[in-house]
Amino acid sequence: MKSQAVRQELDQARATGPLKQIKIPPCPELLTRLREAMAQAQPDLTEVARIAASDVAMSATLLRQANSPLHLADGMPCGTVGQAMTRLGLDETAAVMTGFLLKHSIPVNSPQLARFWERSTKRALAMAFIARQLPGLSPDLAHTYGLFCHVGMPVLLQSVRGYGATMVEAAARIDRPYIATENANHRTDHAVVGALVARVWNLPAALMTAIRLHHDLRSLGDAGIEPEIHTLVAAGLIAEHLMRLHEVLPEDADWADHHGAAMAWLHIGPDDVDQWDEALRPILDEA
């Protein structure tokens, strides 16, 4: 399923199918401006700083991150957004801002998703870390994938009656995958809806398609799918596993069934995963 096919699938389902009832929140204006500033050959630092300073809560988030134990090596706290940006670096600054803007554009008020944004942040950090270990995968794209991977869940919760009960049922059932229960009850699932968010927000096509396929792990390595999409999906499976190790949770069915294909695609072995687990733990502790 190439990106063009995913776009066509989403557009058709939104026009005449089960996605008609899904309400996609608009992309925040500040996020659009941030993406435009970062997309330039030489990112516009002044514009990024202007965006960061335009929201008091976002400025506070950047300062808190810059003054965290992970970054406060010299013991001198940052007092301004500019100092925070200098300490964090442009890429991490943009990643923190993206996470802040996404979290505040799609609020989550549900016991089923009590730790949703915390886990999304962890997944994004894990993805960015993994991308830095692999040739050819953009840490920025990987981080954004980590943030958006499960964004279809809160969107479905806000749009579809009974989805909260579906989440409870899907988590409890062991006879079929999570998304099978979603589709049985609502004729769509969080992977499709998450891809629709990426489509509506004009996020990169590879990101949209990887979100759409992140539970279709049997397709890993399929010659009909762009390699970058396979890399995102495979890295996402590794990131989820590392998060579960950090949280002392048992391995899930996706990892049990498909970790071999994911590691083969990324050309890594169990020793690499063990080393990444050790190196990533302080980062996830801080998150």
C-alpha atoms as a PDB file:
ATOM      1  CA  MET A   1       0.000   0.000   0.000  1.00  0.00           C
ATOM      2  CA  LYS A   2       1.899   3.029  -1.273  1.00  0.00           C
ATOM      3  CA  SER A   3       1.251   6.545   0.019  1.00  0.00           C
ATOM      4  CA  GLN A   4      -0.923   7.419  -2.972  1.00  0.00           C
ATOM      5  CA  ALA A   5      -3.154   4.406  -2.303  1.00  0.00           C
ATOM      6  CA  VAL A   6      -3.482   5.407   1.364  1.00  0.00           C
ATOM      7  CA  ARG A   7      -4.494   8.945   0.365  1.00  0.00           C
ATOM      8  CA  GLN A   8      -7.145   7.569  -1.976  1.00  0.00           C
ATOM      9  CA  GLU A   9      -8.419   5.151   0.679  1.00  0.00           C
ATOM     10  CA  LEU A  10      -8.720   7.932   3.259  1.00  0.00           C
ATOM     11  CA  ASP A  11     -10.360  10.387   0.881  1.00  0.00           C
ATOM     12  CA  GLN A  12     -12.931   7.822  -0.230  1.00  0.00           C
ATOM     13  CA  ALA A  13     -13.712   6.704   3.338  1.00  0.00           C
ATOM     14  CA  ARG A  14     -14.083  10.320   4.393  1.00  0.00           C
ATOM     15  CA  ALA A  15     -16.392  11.158   1.498  1.00  0.00           C
ATOM     16  CA  THR A  16     -18.738   8.178   1.545  1.00  0.00           C
ATOM     17  CA  GLY A  17     -17.534   5.701   4.183  1.00  0.00           C
ATOM     18  CA  PRO A  18     -17.112   5.289   7.938  1.00  0.00           C
ATOM     19  CA  LEU A  19     -14.825   8.310   8.321  1.00  0.00           C
ATOM     20  CA  LYS A  20     -17.637  10.757   7.459  1.00  0.00           C
ATOM     21  CA  GLN A  21     -18.558  11.065  11.139  1.00  0.00           C
ATOM     22  CA  ILE A  22     -14.985  11.588  12.363  1.00  0.00           C
ATOM     23  CA  LYS A  23     -14.277  15.151  13.437  1.00  0.00           C
ATOM     24  CA  ILE A  24     -10.645  16.063  12.863  1.00  0.00           C
ATOM     25  CA  PRO A  25      -9.498  19.082  14.897  1.00  0.00           C
ATOM     26  CA  PRO A  26      -7.782  21.738  12.787  1.00  0.00           C
ATOM     27  CA  CYS A  27      -4.007  21.833  12.686  1.00  0.00           C
ATOM     28  CA  PRO A  28      -2.804  24.549  15.092  1.00  0.00           C
ATOM     29  CA  GLU A  29      -1.645  27.657  13.262  1.00  0.00           C
ATOM     30  CA  LEU A  30       1.537  27.746  15.333  1.00  0.00           C
ATOM     31  CA  LEU A  31       2.373  24.186  14.291  1.00  0.00           C
ATOM     32  CA  THR A  32       1.931  25.079  10.633  1.00  0.00           C
ATOM     33  CA  ARG A  33       4.242  28.066  11.088  1.00  0.00           C
ATOM     34  CA  LEU A  34       6.774  25.934  12.947  1.00  0.00           C
ATOM     35  CA  ARG A  35       6.830  23.282  10.226  1.00  0.00           C
ATOM     36  CA  GLU A  36       7.275  25.968   7.553  1.00  0.00           C
ATOM     37  CA  ALA A  37      10.150  27.551   9.483  1.00  0.00           C
ATOM     38  CA  MET A  38      11.873  24.197   9.991  1.00  0.00           C
ATOM     39  CA  ALA A  39      11.343  23.081   6.373  1.00  0.00           C
ATOM     40  CA  GLN A  40      13.618  25.797   4.968  1.00  0.00           C
ATOM     41  CA  ALA A  41      17.126  24.892   3.849  1.00  0.00           C
ATOM     42  CA  GLN A  42      18.339  27.137   6.660  1.00  0.00           C
ATOM     43  CA  PRO A  43      15.662  26.979   9.380  1.00  0.00           C
ATOM     44  CA  ASP A  44      14.393  30.398  10.436  1.00  0.00           C
ATOM     45  CA  LEU A  45      15.632  30.638  14.033  1.00  0.00           C
ATOM     46  CA  THR A  46      13.994  34.007  14.568  1.00  0.00           C
ATOM     47  CA  GLU A  47      10.604  32.649  13.529  1.00  0.00           C
ATOM     48  CA  VAL A  48      10.991  29.576  15.749  1.00  0.00           C
ATOM     49  CA  ALA A  49      11.870  31.817  18.699  1.00  0.00           C
ATOM     50  CA  ARG A  50       8.910  34.062  17.906  1.00  0.00           C
ATOM     51  CA  ILE A  51       6.555  31.065  17.860  1.00  0.00           C
ATOM     52  CA  ALA A  52       8.000  29.729  21.117  1.00  0.00           C
ATOM     53  CA  ALA A  53       7.555  33.083  22.849  1.00  0.00           C
ATOM     54  CA  SER A  54       3.991  33.565  21.577  1.00  0.00           C
ATOM     55  CA  ASP A  55       2.541  31.097  24.100  1.00  0.00           C
ATOM     56  CA  VAL A  56       3.437  31.442  27.785  1.00  0.00           C
ATOM     57  CA  ALA A  57       2.752  27.775  28.538  1.00  0.00           C
ATOM     58  CA  MET A  58       4.897  26.627  25.600  1.00  0.00           C
ATOM     59  CA  SER A  59       7.725  28.900  26.741  1.00  0.00           C
ATOM     60  CA  ALA A  60       7.453  27.408  30.220  1.00  0.00           C
ATOM     61  CA  THR A  61       7.594  23.898  28.736  1.00  0.00           C
ATOM     62  CA  LEU A  62      10.820  24.712  26.872  1.00  0.00           C
ATOM     63  CA  LEU A  63      12.377  26.210  30.006  1.00  0.00           C
ATOM     64  CA  ARG A  64      11.369  23.216  32.088  1.00  0.00           C
ATOM     65  CA  GLN A  65      12.933  20.857  29.529  1.00  0.00           C
ATOM     66  CA  ALA A  66      16.138  22.899  29.296  1.00  0.00           C
ATOM     67  CA  ASN A  67      16.449  23.013  33.091  1.00  0.00           C
ATOM     68  CA  SER A  68      15.778  19.291  33.593  1.00  0.00           C
ATOM     69  CA  PRO A  69      18.563  17.137  35.080  1.00  0.00           C
ATOM     70  CA  LEU A  70      19.182  15.641  31.650  1.00  0.00           C
ATOM     71  CA  HIS A  71      20.301  19.027  30.298  1.00  0.00           C
ATOM     72  CA  LEU A  72      21.423  20.998  33.358  1.00  0.00           C
ATOM     73  CA  ALA A  73      25.022  19.869  33.115  1.00  0.00           C
ATOM     74  CA  ASP A  74      26.651  23.150  34.158  1.00  0.00           C
ATOM     75  CA  GLY A  75      24.225  23.857  36.990  1.00  0.00           C
ATOM     76  CA  MET A  76      23.222  27.227  35.530  1.00  0.00           C
ATOM     77  CA  PRO A  77      19.445  27.382  34.891  1.00  0.00           C
ATOM     78  CA  CYS A  78      18.071  29.002  31.754  1.00  0.00           C
ATOM     79  CA  GLY A  79      15.938  32.069  32.335  1.00  0.00           C
ATOM     80  CA  THR A  80      14.811  32.940  28.819  1.00  0.00           C
ATOM     81  CA  VAL A  81      13.387  31.122  25.810  1.00  0.00           C
ATOM     82  CA  GLY A  82      16.500  32.020  23.836  1.00  0.00           C
ATOM     83  CA  GLN A  83      18.740  30.395  26.425  1.00  0.00           C
ATOM     84  CA  ALA A  84      16.522  27.336  26.472  1.00  0.00           C
ATOM     85  CA  MET A  85      16.692  27.053  22.683  1.00  0.00           C
ATOM     86  CA  THR A  86      20.471  27.346  22.735  1.00  0.00           C
ATOM     87  CA  ARG A  87      20.807  24.604  25.337  1.00  0.00           C
ATOM     88  CA  LEU A  88      18.334  22.236  23.704  1.00  0.00           C
ATOM     89  CA  GLY A  89      19.367  22.870  20.123  1.00  0.00           C
ATOM     90  CA  LEU A  90      17.004  23.629  17.274  1.00  0.00           C
ATOM     91  CA  ASP A  91      15.822  20.077  16.592  1.00  0.00           C
ATOM     92  CA  GLU A  92      14.933  19.289  20.194  1.00  0.00           C
ATOM     93  CA  THR A  93      13.325  22.721  20.587  1.00  0.00           C
ATOM     94  CA  ALA A  94      11.092  22.026  17.584  1.00  0.00           C
ATOM     95  CA  ALA A  95      10.304  18.529  18.892  1.00  0.00           C
ATOM     96  CA  VAL A  96       9.226  19.870  22.300  1.00  0.00           C
ATOM     97  CA  MET A  97       7.106  22.563  20.655  1.00  0.00           C
ATOM     98  CA  THR A  98       5.462  20.055  18.309  1.00  0.00           C
ATOM     99  CA  GLY A  99       4.545  17.831  21.226  1.00  0.00           C
ATOM    100  CA  PHE A 100       3.139  20.766  23.190  1.00  0.00           C
ATOM    101  CA  LEU A 101       1.007  21.992  20.298  1.00  0.00           C
ATOM    102  CA  LEU A 102      -0.325  18.522  19.484  1.00  0.00           C
ATOM    103  CA  LYS A 103      -1.215  17.818  23.110  1.00  0.00           C
ATOM    104  CA  HIS A 104      -3.155  21.060  23.453  1.00  0.00           C
ATOM    105  CA  SER A 105      -4.981  20.693  20.128  1.00  0.00           C
ATOM    106  CA  ILE A 106      -6.338  17.218  20.953  1.00  0.00           C
ATOM    107  CA  PRO A 107      -7.202  17.160  24.670  1.00  0.00           C
ATOM    108  CA  VAL A 108      -7.658  13.808  26.357  1.00  0.00           C
ATOM    109  CA  ASN A 109     -10.172  13.514  29.182  1.00  0.00           C
ATOM    110  CA  SER A 110     -10.809   9.815  29.610  1.00  0.00           C
ATOM    111  CA  PRO A 111      -9.759   7.168  32.122  1.00  0.00           C
ATOM    112  CA  GLN A 112      -8.963   4.835  29.208  1.00  0.00           C
ATOM    113  CA  LEU A 113      -6.364   7.326  27.965  1.00  0.00           C
ATOM    114  CA  ALA A 114      -5.120   8.662  31.302  1.00  0.00           C
ATOM    115  CA  ARG A 115      -1.421   8.393  30.312  1.00  0.00           C
ATOM    116  CA  PHE A 116      -1.876   8.922  26.585  1.00  0.00           C
ATOM    117  CA  TRP A 117       0.319  11.990  26.109  1.00  0.00           C
ATOM    118  CA  GLU A 118       2.926  10.768  28.564  1.00  0.00           C
ATOM    119  CA  ARG A 119       3.301   7.567  26.565  1.00  0.00           C
ATOM    120  CA  SER A 120       3.205   9.456  23.255  1.00  0.00           C
ATOM    121  CA  THR A 121       6.082  11.619  24.484  1.00  0.00           C
ATOM    122  CA  LYS A 122       8.035   8.533  25.526  1.00  0.00           C
ATOM    123  CA  ARG A 123       7.396   6.902  22.160  1.00  0.00           C
ATOM    124  CA  ALA A 124       8.559  10.041  20.350  1.00  0.00           C
ATOM    125  CA  LEU A 125      11.760  10.205  22.404  1.00  0.00           C
ATOM    126  CA  ALA A 126      12.419   6.525  21.800  1.00  0.00           C
ATOM    127  CA  MET A 127      11.838   6.961  18.060  1.00  0.00           C
ATOM    128  CA  ALA A 128      14.221   9.925  17.857  1.00  0.00           C
ATOM    129  CA  PHE A 129      16.852   7.938  19.777  1.00  0.00           C
ATOM    130  CA  ILE A 130      16.480   4.947  17.452  1.00  0.00           C
ATOM    131  CA  ALA A 131      16.683   7.197  14.385  1.00  0.00           C
ATOM    132  CA  ARG A 132      20.039   8.499  15.587  1.00  0.00           C
ATOM    133  CA  GLN A 133      21.320   4.911  15.650  1.00  0.00           C
ATOM    134  CA  LEU A 134      20.188   4.162  12.104  1.00  0.00           C
ATOM    135  CA  PRO A 135      21.451   5.565   8.794  1.00  0.00           C
ATOM    136  CA  GLY A 136      18.936   7.456   6.687  1.00  0.00           C
ATOM    137  CA  LEU A 137      16.070   7.914   9.168  1.00  0.00           C
ATOM    138  CA  SER A 138      15.340  11.523  10.095  1.00  0.00           C
ATOM    139  CA  PRO A 139      15.122  11.974  13.895  1.00  0.00           C
ATOM    140  CA  ASP A 140      12.578  14.739  13.341  1.00  0.00           C
ATOM    141  CA  LEU A 141      10.324  12.500  11.230  1.00  0.00           C
ATOM    142  CA  ALA A 142      10.785   9.642  13.681  1.00  0.00           C
ATOM    143  CA  HIS A 143       9.892  11.854  16.661  1.00  0.00           C
ATOM    144  CA  THR A 144       6.773  13.134  14.917  1.00  0.00           C
ATOM    145  CA  TYR A 145       5.747   9.561  14.080  1.00  0.00           C
ATOM    146  CA  GLY A 146       6.087   8.656  17.740  1.00  0.00           C
ATOM    147  CA  LEU A 147       3.831  11.526  18.761  1.00  0.00           C
ATOM    148  CA  PHE A 148       1.148  10.869  16.134  1.00  0.00           C
ATOM    149  CA  CYS A 149       1.223   7.059  15.993  1.00  0.00           C
ATOM    150  CA  HIS A 150      -1.850   6.522  18.208  1.00  0.00           C
ATOM    151  CA  VAL A 151      -3.488   9.929  17.826  1.00  0.00           C
ATOM    152  CA  GLY A 152      -6.487   8.221  16.223  1.00  0.00           C
ATOM    153  CA  MET A 153      -7.553   6.979  19.669  1.00  0.00           C
ATOM    154  CA  PRO A 154      -8.466  10.335  21.270  1.00  0.00           C
ATOM    155  CA  VAL A 155      -9.988  11.486  17.980  1.00  0.00           C
ATOM    156  CA  LEU A 156     -12.209   8.393  17.876  1.00  0.00           C
ATOM    157  CA  LEU A 157     -13.094   8.866  21.534  1.00  0.00           C
ATOM    158  CA  GLN A 158     -14.326  12.389  20.801  1.00  0.00           C
ATOM    159  CA  SER A 159     -16.185  11.451  17.617  1.00  0.00           C
ATOM    160  CA  VAL A 160     -17.695   7.986  18.019  1.00  0.00           C
ATOM    161  CA  ARG A 161     -20.280   6.923  20.551  1.00  0.00           C
ATOM    162  CA  GLY A 162     -19.241   3.824  22.462  1.00  0.00           C
ATOM    163  CA  TYR A 163     -15.553   3.961  21.557  1.00  0.00           C
ATOM    164  CA  GLY A 164     -14.556   4.075  25.230  1.00  0.00           C
ATOM    165  CA  ALA A 165     -16.230   0.703  25.775  1.00  0.00           C
ATOM    166  CA  THR A 166     -14.550  -0.597  22.627  1.00  0.00           C
ATOM    167  CA  MET A 167     -11.155   0.325  24.052  1.00  0.00           C
ATOM    168  CA  VAL A 168     -11.877  -1.696  27.198  1.00  0.00           C
ATOM    169  CA  GLU A 169     -13.062  -4.670  25.146  1.00  0.00           C
ATOM    170  CA  ALA A 170     -10.161  -4.509  22.686  1.00  0.00           C
ATOM    171  CA  ALA A 171      -7.592  -4.414  25.495  1.00  0.00           C
ATOM    172  CA  ALA A 172      -9.198  -7.400  27.215  1.00  0.00           C
ATOM    173  CA  ARG A 173      -9.616  -9.719  24.235  1.00  0.00           C
ATOM    174  CA  ILE A 174      -6.855 -12.177  23.412  1.00  0.00           C
ATOM    175  CA  ASP A 175      -8.588 -13.886  20.487  1.00  0.00           C
ATOM    176  CA  ARG A 176      -8.043 -11.078  17.975  1.00  0.00           C
ATOM    177  CA  PRO A 177      -5.942  -7.920  17.481  1.00  0.00           C
ATOM    178  CA  TYR A 178      -6.926  -4.572  18.996  1.00  0.00           C
ATOM    179  CA  ILE A 179      -7.805  -3.025  15.649  1.00  0.00           C
ATOM    180  CA  ALA A 180     -10.002  -6.023  14.754  1.00  0.00           C
ATOM    181  CA  THR A 181     -12.273  -5.154  17.666  1.00  0.00           C
ATOM    182  CA  GLU A 182     -12.298  -1.497  16.619  1.00  0.00           C
ATOM    183  CA  ASN A 183     -13.310  -2.439  13.084  1.00  0.00           C
ATOM    184  CA  ALA A 184     -15.943  -4.910  14.258  1.00  0.00           C
ATOM    185  CA  ASN A 185     -17.590  -2.228  16.386  1.00  0.00           C
ATOM    186  CA  HIS A 186     -17.051   0.932  14.305  1.00  0.00           C
ATOM    187  CA  ARG A 187     -15.967  -0.077  10.766  1.00  0.00           C
ATOM    188  CA  THR A 188     -12.675   1.776  11.251  1.00  0.00           C
ATOM    189  CA  ASP A 189      -9.710   1.818  13.635  1.00  0.00           C
ATOM    190  CA  HIS A 190      -7.215   4.150  15.249  1.00  0.00           C
ATOM    191  CA  ALA A 191      -4.545   3.467  12.608  1.00  0.00           C
ATOM    192  CA  VAL A 192      -6.848   4.677   9.826  1.00  0.00           C
ATOM    193  CA  VAL A 193      -8.070   7.678  11.827  1.00  0.00           C
ATOM    194  CA  GLY A 194      -4.530   8.614  12.843  1.00  0.00           C
ATOM    195  CA  ALA A 195      -3.525   8.544   9.178  1.00  0.00           C
ATOM    196  CA  LEU A 196      -6.500  10.782   8.429  1.00  0.00           C
ATOM    197  CA  VAL A 197      -5.266  13.320  10.978  1.00  0.00           C
ATOM    198  CA  ALA A 198      -1.887  13.319   9.234  1.00  0.00           C
ATOM    199  CA  ARG A 199      -3.625  13.711   5.864  1.00  0.00           C
ATOM    200  CA  VAL A 200      -5.807  16.621   6.999  1.00  0.00           C
ATOM    201  CA  TRP A 201      -2.880  18.338   8.688  1.00  0.00           C
ATOM    202  CA  ASN A 202      -0.700  17.970   5.556  1.00  0.00           C
ATOM    203  CA  LEU A 203       1.997  16.019   7.346  1.00  0.00           C
ATOM    204  CA  PRO A 204       4.570  14.115   5.242  1.00  0.00           C
ATOM    205  CA  ALA A 205       3.151  11.293   3.132  1.00  0.00           C
ATOM    206  CA  ALA A 206       5.550   8.754   4.646  1.00  0.00           C
ATOM    207  CA  LEU A 207       4.299   9.666   8.113  1.00  0.00           C
ATOM    208  CA  MET A 208       0.657   9.303   7.066  1.00  0.00           C
ATOM    209  CA  THR A 209       1.276   5.901   5.496  1.00  0.00           C
ATOM    210  CA  ALA A 210       3.378   4.554   8.370  1.00  0.00           C
ATOM    211  CA  ILE A 211       0.630   5.486  10.834  1.00  0.00           C
ATOM    212  CA  ARG A 212      -1.900   3.725   8.611  1.00  0.00           C
ATOM    213  CA  LEU A 213       0.235   0.550   8.529  1.00  0.00           C
ATOM    214  CA  HIS A 214       1.690   0.495  12.045  1.00  0.00           C
ATOM    215  CA  HIS A 215      -0.429  -2.521  13.035  1.00  0.00           C
ATOM    216  CA  ASP A 216      -0.253  -4.186   9.607  1.00  0.00           C
ATOM    217  CA  LEU A 217       3.101  -5.706  10.464  1.00  0.00           C
ATOM    218  CA  ARG A 218       2.745  -8.634   8.062  1.00  0.00           C
ATOM    219  CA  SER A 219       3.490  -6.112   5.325  1.00  0.00           C
ATOM    220  CA  LEU A 220       7.024  -5.393   6.633  1.00  0.00           C
ATOM    221  CA  GLY A 221       9.428  -5.695   3.726  1.00  0.00           C
ATOM    222  CA  ASP A 222       6.707  -5.754   1.036  1.00  0.00           C
ATOM    223  CA  ALA A 223       8.238  -4.465  -2.195  1.00  0.00           C
ATOM    224  CA  GLY A 224       5.097  -2.447  -2.934  1.00  0.00           C
ATOM    225  CA  ILE A 225       5.654  -0.141   0.052  1.00  0.00           C
ATOM    226  CA  GLU A 226       8.260   2.624   0.191  1.00  0.00           C
ATOM    227  CA  PRO A 227      11.371   1.660   2.252  1.00  0.00           C
ATOM    228  CA  GLU A 228      11.114   4.749   4.489  1.00  0.00           C
ATOM    229  CA  ILE A 229       7.666   3.592   5.603  1.00  0.00           C
ATOM    230  CA  HIS A 230       8.979   0.138   6.516  1.00  0.00           C
ATOM    231  CA  THR A 231      11.762   1.785   8.520  1.00  0.00           C
ATOM    232  CA  LEU A 232       9.329   3.945  10.475  1.00  0.00           C
ATOM    233  CA  VAL A 233       7.016   1.018  11.210  1.00  0.00           C
ATOM    234  CA  ALA A 234       9.870  -1.287  12.213  1.00  0.00           C
ATOM    235  CA  ALA A 235      11.477   1.371  14.400  1.00  0.00           C
ATOM    236  CA  GLY A 236       8.068   2.032  15.937  1.00  0.00           C
ATOM    237  CA  LEU A 237       7.766  -1.611  16.968  1.00  0.00           C
ATOM    238  CA  ILE A 238      11.216  -1.440  18.589  1.00  0.00           C
ATOM    239  CA  ALA A 239      10.311   1.820  20.351  1.00  0.00           C
ATOM    240  CA  GLU A 240       7.108   0.324  21.745  1.00  0.00           C
ATOM    241  CA  HIS A 241       9.040  -2.682  23.024  1.00  0.00           C
ATOM    242  CA  LEU A 242      11.648  -0.474  24.720  1.00  0.00           C
ATOM    243  CA  MET A 243       8.868   1.524  26.371  1.00  0.00           C
ATOM    244  CA  ARG A 244       7.284  -1.656  27.696  1.00  0.00           C
ATOM    245  CA  LEU A 245      10.634  -2.821  29.061  1.00  0.00           C
ATOM    246  CA  HIS A 246      11.036   0.530  30.807  1.00  0.00           C
ATOM    247  CA  GLU A 247       7.546   0.254  32.290  1.00  0.00           C
ATOM    248  CA  VAL A 248       8.096  -3.416  33.288  1.00  0.00           C
ATOM    249  CA  LEU A 249       5.211  -4.579  31.118  1.00  0.00           C
ATOM    250  CA  PRO A 250       5.034  -7.955  29.341  1.00  0.00           C
ATOM    251  CA  GLU A 251       5.758  -8.050  25.623  1.00  0.00           C
ATOM    252  CA  ASP A 252       2.731  -7.515  23.431  1.00  0.00           C
ATOM    253  CA  ALA A 253       1.463  -9.686  20.589  1.00  0.00           C
ATOM    254  CA  ASP A 254       2.880  -7.428  17.859  1.00  0.00           C
ATOM    255  CA  TRP A 255       6.387  -7.800  19.295  1.00  0.00           C
ATOM    256  CA  ALA A 256       6.033 -11.524  19.836  1.00  0.00           C
ATOM    257  CA  ASP A 257       4.887 -12.110  16.253  1.00  0.00           C
ATOM    258  CA  HIS A 258       6.894  -9.579  14.254  1.00  0.00           C
ATOM    259  CA  HIS A 259      10.069  -8.510  16.083  1.00  0.00           C
ATOM    260  CA  GLY A 260      12.177 -10.768  13.861  1.00  0.00           C
ATOM    261  CA  ALA A 261      10.960  -9.075  10.678  1.00  0.00           C
ATOM    262  CA  ALA A 262      11.430  -5.618  12.203  1.00  0.00           C
ATOM    263  CA  MET A 263      14.994  -6.319  13.312  1.00  0.00           C
ATOM    264  CA  ALA A 264      15.821  -7.929   9.969  1.00  0.00           C
ATOM    265  CA  TRP A 265      14.573  -4.846   8.112  1.00  0.00           C
ATOM    266  CA  LEU A 266      16.632  -2.522  10.332  1.00  0.00           C
ATOM    267  CA  HIS A 267      19.693  -4.840  10.158  1.00  0.00           C
ATOM    268  CA  ILE A 268      19.977  -5.055  13.944  1.00  0.00           C
ATOM    269  CA  GLY A 269      20.086  -7.921  16.415  1.00  0.00           C
ATOM    270  CA  PRO A 270      19.050  -8.620  20.010  1.00  0.00           C
ATOM    271  CA  ASP A 271      22.334  -7.186  21.331  1.00  0.00           C
ATOM    272  CA  ASP A 272      21.537  -3.848  19.665  1.00  0.00           C
ATOM    273  CA  VAL A 273      18.099  -3.791  21.277  1.00  0.00           C
ATOM    274  CA  ASP A 274      19.649  -4.544  24.682  1.00  0.00           C
ATOM    275  CA  GLN A 275      22.180  -1.708  24.264  1.00  0.00           C
ATOM    276  CA  TRP A 276      19.459   0.701  23.169  1.00  0.00           C
ATOM    277  CA  ASP A 277      17.363  -0.290  26.167  1.00  0.00           C
ATOM    278  CA  GLU A 278      20.193   0.582  28.537  1.00  0.00           C
ATOM    279  CA  ALA A 279      21.025   3.880  26.807  1.00  0.00           C
ATOM    280  CA  LEU A 280      17.392   4.975  26.504  1.00  0.00           C
ATOM    281  CA  ARG A 281      16.379   4.411  30.118  1.00  0.00           C
ATOM    282  CA  PRO A 282      17.664   7.775  31.473  1.00  0.00           C
ATOM    283  CA  ILE A 283      15.820   9.592  28.691  1.00  0.00           C
ATOM    284  CA  LEU A 284      12.550   7.786  29.433  1.00  0.00           C
ATOM    285  CA  ASP A 285      13.079   8.315  33.165  1.00  0.00           C
ATOM    286  CA  GLU A 286      13.186  12.044  32.515  1.00  0.00           C
ATOM    287  CA  ALA A 287      10.064  11.921  30.360  1.00  0.00           C
END
